[in-house]
Amino acid sequence: MLHPQGITIEDAEHQLATRLYQNNARVHFNDYMQRKSKLGRRIVYGGHIISVTHAISHDGLENVIRVLGFNAGTHANPTVAGDTLFAWTDVLERIDLGRKDAGALRLRLVGVKNLDPSAEPIELKVKDPESGRESHHPNVVLDLDYTVLIPKRRR
């Protein structure tokens, strides 16, 4: 399921979110130091990436009641201010909870930067031609496997 909205990350908002999560890593705050790094910019805190892509996923998954658990996840590539995030969700498993009113879904939320998957296709994983190793596409920033509680459809 493609989620249609894109959200651009701004310096001020990711810095505020990082402070709220009490993460004081220099890669998120020290612009002077990060200008000398490989990226040349501060890195956006991964918790902010999860929050933004999860917010994007509500357009299509607005009836989710709550997150039941996080099963696995990867921050595949760095994000910096000015990047625009998009997302899609795959249903990995339907879980019967033995209830008439609700069930669970195991979902895979994929966040990508600076590439709208509804406009141009993107492979989740790519193979390095030299080494043959498989890794996430360079635009994939988040690959999150989680489980949610969701109401059942009335029949």
Protein backbone atom coordinates (compact mmCIF):
# COMPACT_ATOMS: atom_id res chain seq x y z
CA MET A 1 0.00 0.00 0.00
CA LEU A 2 1.54 3.27 -1.12
CA HIS A 3 0.95 6.22 1.16
CA PRO A 4 0.46 9.32 -1.02
CA GLN A 5 1.95 12.06 1.10
CA GLY A 6 5.56 13.22 1.31
CA ILE A 7 6.98 15.19 4.24
CA THR A 8 10.16 17.26 4.09
CA ILE A 9 12.36 17.16 7.19
CA GLU A 10 13.42 20.56 8.54
CA ASP A 11 16.44 21.22 10.78
CA ALA A 12 14.48 22.85 13.59
CA GLU A 13 11.86 20.10 13.92
CA HIS A 14 14.26 17.17 13.96
CA GLN A 15 16.52 18.94 16.43
CA LEU A 16 13.56 19.60 18.75
CA ALA A 17 12.36 15.99 18.48
CA THR A 18 15.86 14.71 19.21
CA ARG A 19 16.01 16.85 22.37
CA LEU A 20 12.59 15.61 23.47
CA TYR A 21 13.86 12.02 23.19
CA GLN A 22 16.88 13.11 25.26
CA ASN A 23 19.37 12.00 22.64
CA ASN A 24 22.41 14.23 22.85
CA ALA A 25 24.61 12.60 20.20
CA ARG A 26 26.85 15.13 18.48
CA VAL A 27 25.94 13.84 15.00
CA HIS A 28 22.48 15.35 15.56
CA PHE A 29 23.45 18.69 17.13
CA ASN A 30 27.03 19.72 16.38
CA ASP A 31 26.82 21.37 12.96
CA TYR A 32 30.43 22.55 13.15
CA MET A 33 31.73 19.01 13.68
CA GLN A 34 29.38 17.46 11.10
CA ARG A 35 30.48 19.85 8.34
CA LYS A 36 33.78 17.93 8.39
CA SER A 37 32.05 14.51 8.19
CA LYS A 38 31.36 12.31 5.15
CA LEU A 39 27.82 13.71 4.81
CA GLY A 40 28.83 17.28 5.63
CA ARG A 41 25.56 17.78 7.54
CA ARG A 42 23.87 16.79 10.79
CA ILE A 43 22.08 13.42 10.67
CA VAL A 44 18.37 13.31 11.51
CA TYR A 45 17.66 11.19 14.59
CA GLY A 46 16.24 7.76 13.68
CA GLY A 47 13.36 8.10 16.14
CA HIS A 48 12.21 11.15 14.20
CA ILE A 49 12.35 9.15 10.94
CA ILE A 50 10.19 6.43 12.52
CA SER A 51 7.70 9.03 13.77
CA VAL A 52 7.41 10.84 10.44
CA THR A 53 7.06 7.68 8.32
CA HIS A 54 4.54 6.28 10.81
CA ALA A 55 2.55 9.53 10.51
CA ILE A 56 2.66 9.21 6.71
CA SER A 57 1.32 5.63 7.00
CA HIS A 58 -1.86 6.86 8.70
CA ASP A 59 -3.08 7.77 5.21
CA GLY A 60 -4.24 4.25 4.44
CA LEU A 61 -3.93 2.74 7.91
CA GLU A 62 -6.04 5.26 9.80
CA ASN A 63 -8.11 2.53 11.47
CA VAL A 64 -5.14 1.01 13.35
CA ILE A 65 -5.98 1.04 17.07
CA ARG A 66 -2.44 0.76 18.45
CA VAL A 67 1.01 -0.64 17.88
CA LEU A 68 1.35 -3.97 19.68
CA GLY A 69 5.07 -4.43 19.15
CA PHE A 70 8.13 -3.73 17.08
CA ASN A 71 9.60 -6.95 15.68
CA ALA A 72 12.67 -5.71 13.81
CA GLY A 73 13.92 -2.67 12.02
CA THR A 74 16.76 -1.08 10.12
CA HIS A 75 17.78 2.52 9.67
CA ALA A 76 19.17 1.70 6.25
CA ASN A 77 20.63 5.04 5.15
CA PRO A 78 21.11 8.45 6.74
CA THR A 79 18.64 11.31 6.40
CA VAL A 80 19.50 15.00 6.59
CA ALA A 81 17.40 18.16 6.79
CA GLY A 82 15.89 18.98 3.41
CA ASP A 83 15.20 15.33 2.52
CA THR A 84 11.58 14.51 1.70
CA LEU A 85 10.25 11.23 3.09
CA PHE A 86 7.68 8.94 1.46
CA ALA A 87 6.47 5.53 2.63
CA TRP A 88 4.70 2.33 1.75
CA THR A 89 3.41 -0.55 3.87
CA ASP A 90 3.26 -4.26 3.10
CA VAL A 91 1.04 -6.64 5.07
CA LEU A 92 3.29 -9.54 6.10
CA GLU A 93 0.81 -11.54 8.17
CA ARG A 94 -2.77 -11.53 9.42
CA ILE A 95 -3.01 -12.72 13.02
CA ASP A 96 -6.21 -14.11 14.52
CA LEU A 97 -6.52 -13.03 18.14
CA GLY A 98 -9.64 -15.10 18.77
CA ARG A 99 -11.77 -11.97 19.03
CA LYS A 100 -14.81 -10.98 16.98
CA ASP A 101 -14.00 -7.27 17.02
CA ALA A 102 -10.24 -7.06 16.36
CA GLY A 103 -7.26 -8.83 14.89
CA ALA A 104 -3.62 -8.07 14.37
CA LEU A 105 -1.52 -7.33 11.33
CA ARG A 106 2.21 -7.73 11.02
CA LEU A 107 3.32 -4.87 8.79
CA ARG A 108 6.47 -3.76 7.02
CA LEU A 109 6.79 0.02 6.83
CA VAL A 110 9.37 1.24 4.34
CA GLY A 111 10.49 4.87 4.37
CA VAL A 112 12.31 6.34 1.39
CA LYS A 113 13.92 9.74 0.86
CA ASN A 114 13.77 12.02 -2.17
CA LEU A 115 11.96 9.51 -4.35
CA ASP A 116 8.19 9.20 -4.60
CA PRO A 117 7.43 5.45 -4.96
CA SER A 118 4.03 6.26 -6.50
CA ALA A 119 5.78 8.16 -9.31
CA GLU A 120 8.81 5.94 -9.87
CA PRO A 121 9.29 2.33 -8.80
CA ILE A 122 11.97 1.49 -6.26
CA GLU A 123 13.45 -1.84 -5.28
CA LEU A 124 13.81 -2.35 -1.54
CA LYS A 125 17.13 -4.15 -1.94
CA VAL A 126 19.83 -3.79 -4.57
CA LYS A 127 22.88 -5.90 -5.39
CA ASP A 128 26.35 -4.36 -5.51
CA PRO A 129 27.76 -5.25 -8.95
CA GLU A 130 31.32 -5.57 -7.62
CA SER A 131 30.83 -7.55 -4.42
CA GLY A 132 27.48 -9.19 -5.21
CA ARG A 133 26.29 -8.25 -1.73
CA GLU A 134 22.67 -7.23 -1.27
CA SER A 135 21.81 -4.09 0.66
CA HIS A 136 19.00 -1.58 0.93
CA HIS A 137 18.49 0.81 -1.97
CA PRO A 138 20.37 4.08 -1.21
CA ASN A 139 17.05 5.98 -0.93
CA VAL A 140 15.58 3.56 1.63
CA VAL A 141 15.97 5.10 5.09
CA LEU A 142 13.72 2.85 7.19
CA ASP A 143 12.66 -0.80 7.00
CA LEU A 144 10.42 -1.49 10.01
CA ASP A 145 8.61 -4.73 10.88
CA TYR A 146 5.89 -4.16 13.48
CA THR A 147 2.52 -5.52 14.63
CA VAL A 148 -0.70 -3.54 15.09
CA LEU A 149 -4.16 -4.09 16.53
CA ILE A 150 -6.86 -3.38 13.98
CA PRO A 151 -10.67 -3.68 14.04
CA LYS A 152 -12.27 -6.43 12.01
CA ARG A 153 -14.70 -5.54 9.27
CA ARG A 154 -18.33 -6.08 10.14
CA ARG A 155 -20.00 -8.61 7.88
